[in-house]
Amino acid sequence: METQACIVMTTTGTEDEAEALAAAIVEAQLAACVQVQRVRSFYRWQGVLHREPEWLLSIKTIGERYAALEAFIRERHSYQTPEIVQVPIACGSADYLHWLDAGSRPAPPPQA
């Protein structure tokens, strides 16, 4: 059975928060890779139109890690209602998807 690779996206309000969250996600082995990009977001929040710089995290992981990743983000995120969305990866390089799968799982315990 093939594991479903996906990209989970979230945004933060500061570069420092984005970098700390990205590093923590990879360190916790919830994803193989996180890319951080500066973006400008236009959105309505509590009836007011906002035009803000944000940092977009593109989190490369596997579907079975989504629930743990969402909980991890929620615990550490500064936003009241953070964007946390999952986008399936329909196709991709077999070598890359294998690497993504391996990097998104906790390391097995050492054998005695």
C-alpha atoms as a PDB file:
ATOM      1  CA  MET A   1       0.000   0.000   0.000  1.00  0.00           C
ATOM      2  CA  GLU A   2       1.370   3.373  -1.005  1.00  0.00           C
ATOM      3  CA  THR A   3       1.556   6.172   1.554  1.00  0.00           C
ATOM      4  CA  GLN A   4      -0.241   9.369   0.498  1.00  0.00           C
ATOM      5  CA  ALA A   5       2.224  12.241   0.373  1.00  0.00           C
ATOM      6  CA  CYS A   6       0.848  15.716   0.998  1.00  0.00           C
ATOM      7  CA  ILE A   7       1.733  19.326   1.609  1.00  0.00           C
ATOM      8  CA  VAL A   8       0.332  21.001   4.710  1.00  0.00           C
ATOM      9  CA  MET A   9       0.282  24.781   4.648  1.00  0.00           C
ATOM     10  CA  THR A  10       0.165  27.313   7.434  1.00  0.00           C
ATOM     11  CA  THR A  11       1.138  30.969   7.730  1.00  0.00           C
ATOM     12  CA  THR A  12       2.714  32.964  10.532  1.00  0.00           C
ATOM     13  CA  GLY A  13       2.931  36.668  11.247  1.00  0.00           C
ATOM     14  CA  THR A  14       6.699  36.818  11.736  1.00  0.00           C
ATOM     15  CA  GLU A  15       9.744  35.284  10.130  1.00  0.00           C
ATOM     16  CA  ASP A  16      11.099  34.237  13.539  1.00  0.00           C
ATOM     17  CA  GLU A  17       7.906  32.313  14.333  1.00  0.00           C
ATOM     18  CA  ALA A  18       7.973  30.671  10.885  1.00  0.00           C
ATOM     19  CA  GLU A  19      11.590  29.565  11.250  1.00  0.00           C
ATOM     20  CA  ALA A  20      11.106  28.266  14.791  1.00  0.00           C
ATOM     21  CA  LEU A  21       7.973  26.343  13.805  1.00  0.00           C
ATOM     22  CA  ALA A  22       9.600  24.914  10.659  1.00  0.00           C
ATOM     23  CA  ALA A  23      12.643  23.692  12.583  1.00  0.00           C
ATOM     24  CA  ALA A  24      10.493  22.199  15.361  1.00  0.00           C
ATOM     25  CA  ILE A  25       8.327  20.311  12.838  1.00  0.00           C
ATOM     26  CA  VAL A  26      11.322  18.738  11.120  1.00  0.00           C
ATOM     27  CA  GLU A  27      13.047  18.026  14.450  1.00  0.00           C
ATOM     28  CA  ALA A  28       9.887  16.238  15.661  1.00  0.00           C
ATOM     29  CA  GLN A  29       9.924  14.177  12.432  1.00  0.00           C
ATOM     30  CA  LEU A  30       6.411  15.285  11.543  1.00  0.00           C
ATOM     31  CA  ALA A  31       7.646  16.245   8.071  1.00  0.00           C
ATOM     32  CA  ALA A  32      10.635  15.637   5.864  1.00  0.00           C
ATOM     33  CA  CYS A  33      10.952  19.260   4.768  1.00  0.00           C
ATOM     34  CA  VAL A  34       9.442  22.669   5.442  1.00  0.00           C
ATOM     35  CA  GLN A  35       9.895  25.583   3.074  1.00  0.00           C
ATOM     36  CA  VAL A  36       9.338  29.137   4.308  1.00  0.00           C
ATOM     37  CA  GLN A  37       8.416  31.959   1.947  1.00  0.00           C
ATOM     38  CA  ARG A  38       7.438  35.567   2.549  1.00  0.00           C
ATOM     39  CA  VAL A  39       3.995  36.360   1.117  1.00  0.00           C
ATOM     40  CA  ARG A  40       1.501  39.218   1.277  1.00  0.00           C
ATOM     41  CA  SER A  41      -1.932  38.104   2.428  1.00  0.00           C
ATOM     42  CA  PHE A  42      -5.221  39.897   1.896  1.00  0.00           C
ATOM     43  CA  TYR A  43      -7.996  38.641   4.163  1.00  0.00           C
ATOM     44  CA  ARG A  44     -10.998  39.690   6.184  1.00  0.00           C
ATOM     45  CA  TRP A  45     -10.766  39.078   9.937  1.00  0.00           C
ATOM     46  CA  GLN A  46     -13.522  40.127  12.329  1.00  0.00           C
ATOM     47  CA  GLY A  47     -15.078  42.311   9.632  1.00  0.00           C
ATOM     48  CA  VAL A  48     -11.898  44.219   8.794  1.00  0.00           C
ATOM     49  CA  LEU A  49      -9.913  43.869   5.571  1.00  0.00           C
ATOM     50  CA  HIS A  50      -6.237  43.174   6.293  1.00  0.00           C
ATOM     51  CA  ARG A  51      -3.244  43.453   3.983  1.00  0.00           C
ATOM     52  CA  GLU A  52      -0.336  41.903   5.856  1.00  0.00           C
ATOM     53  CA  PRO A  53       3.052  40.352   5.272  1.00  0.00           C
ATOM     54  CA  GLU A  54       3.052  36.724   6.372  1.00  0.00           C
ATOM     55  CA  TRP A  55       5.369  33.748   6.115  1.00  0.00           C
ATOM     56  CA  LEU A  56       3.984  30.667   4.364  1.00  0.00           C
ATOM     57  CA  LEU A  57       5.177  27.272   5.542  1.00  0.00           C
ATOM     58  CA  SER A  58       4.893  24.498   2.933  1.00  0.00           C
ATOM     59  CA  ILE A  59       5.246  21.343   4.991  1.00  0.00           C
ATOM     60  CA  LYS A  60       6.097  18.140   3.046  1.00  0.00           C
ATOM     61  CA  THR A  61       4.758  15.116   4.915  1.00  0.00           C
ATOM     62  CA  ILE A  62       2.479  12.073   4.682  1.00  0.00           C
ATOM     63  CA  GLY A  63      -1.245  11.951   5.289  1.00  0.00           C
ATOM     64  CA  GLU A  64      -1.049   9.661   8.293  1.00  0.00           C
ATOM     65  CA  ARG A  65       0.989  12.320  10.136  1.00  0.00           C
ATOM     66  CA  TYR A  66      -1.587  15.080   9.535  1.00  0.00           C
ATOM     67  CA  ALA A  67      -3.463  14.816  12.856  1.00  0.00           C
ATOM     68  CA  ALA A  68      -0.260  14.915  14.907  1.00  0.00           C
ATOM     69  CA  LEU A  69       1.096  17.762  12.776  1.00  0.00           C
ATOM     70  CA  GLU A  70      -2.111  19.791  13.126  1.00  0.00           C
ATOM     71  CA  ALA A  71      -2.045  19.376  16.923  1.00  0.00           C
ATOM     72  CA  PHE A  72       1.656  20.323  16.979  1.00  0.00           C
ATOM     73  CA  ILE A  73       1.001  23.507  14.974  1.00  0.00           C
ATOM     74  CA  ARG A  74      -2.018  24.486  17.087  1.00  0.00           C
ATOM     75  CA  GLU A  75      -0.009  24.140  20.317  1.00  0.00           C
ATOM     76  CA  ARG A  76       2.723  26.456  19.052  1.00  0.00           C
ATOM     77  CA  HIS A  77       0.920  28.924  16.782  1.00  0.00           C
ATOM     78  CA  SER A  78       0.306  32.550  17.776  1.00  0.00           C
ATOM     79  CA  TYR A  79      -2.862  32.969  15.662  1.00  0.00           C
ATOM     80  CA  GLN A  80      -6.295  32.431  17.200  1.00  0.00           C
ATOM     81  CA  THR A  81      -7.398  30.599  14.029  1.00  0.00           C
ATOM     82  CA  PRO A  82      -4.306  29.491  12.105  1.00  0.00           C
ATOM     83  CA  GLU A  83      -4.539  28.281   8.538  1.00  0.00           C
ATOM     84  CA  ILE A  84      -3.789  24.565   8.560  1.00  0.00           C
ATOM     85  CA  VAL A  85      -4.710  22.895   5.276  1.00  0.00           C
ATOM     86  CA  GLN A  86      -3.660  19.651   3.649  1.00  0.00           C
ATOM     87  CA  VAL A  87      -3.147  19.327  -0.110  1.00  0.00           C
ATOM     88  CA  PRO A  88      -2.604  15.794  -1.443  1.00  0.00           C
ATOM     89  CA  ILE A  89       0.306  15.153  -3.798  1.00  0.00           C
ATOM     90  CA  ALA A  90      -1.232  13.159  -6.663  1.00  0.00           C
ATOM     91  CA  CYS A  91       2.056  12.305  -8.389  1.00  0.00           C
ATOM     92  CA  GLY A  92       5.747  12.899  -7.950  1.00  0.00           C
ATOM     93  CA  SER A  93       9.216  11.507  -8.413  1.00  0.00           C
ATOM     94  CA  ALA A  94       9.368   8.045  -6.810  1.00  0.00           C
ATOM     95  CA  ASP A  95      12.760   8.779  -5.232  1.00  0.00           C
ATOM     96  CA  TYR A  96      11.540  12.069  -3.764  1.00  0.00           C
ATOM     97  CA  LEU A  97       8.307  10.560  -2.438  1.00  0.00           C
ATOM     98  CA  HIS A  98      10.262   7.714  -0.826  1.00  0.00           C
ATOM     99  CA  TRP A  99      12.553  10.276   0.868  1.00  0.00           C
ATOM    100  CA  LEU A 100       9.528  12.315   1.982  1.00  0.00           C
ATOM    101  CA  ASP A 101       7.884   9.218   3.464  1.00  0.00           C
ATOM    102  CA  ALA A 102      11.028   8.151   5.339  1.00  0.00           C
ATOM    103  CA  GLY A 103      11.652  11.658   6.685  1.00  0.00           C
ATOM    104  CA  SER A 104       8.113  12.045   7.987  1.00  0.00           C
ATOM    105  CA  ARG A 105       8.235   9.094  10.378  1.00  0.00           C
ATOM    106  CA  PRO A 106       9.875   8.775  13.774  1.00  0.00           C
ATOM    107  CA  ALA A 107      13.140   6.891  13.681  1.00  0.00           C
ATOM    108  CA  PRO A 108      12.787   3.290  14.835  1.00  0.00           C
ATOM    109  CA  PRO A 109      14.181   2.598  18.308  1.00  0.00           C
ATOM    110  CA  PRO A 110      17.751   1.267  18.347  1.00  0.00           C
ATOM    111  CA  GLN A 111      18.046  -2.498  18.516  1.00  0.00           C
ATOM    112  CA  ALA A 112      19.784  -3.991  21.521  1.00  0.00           C
END
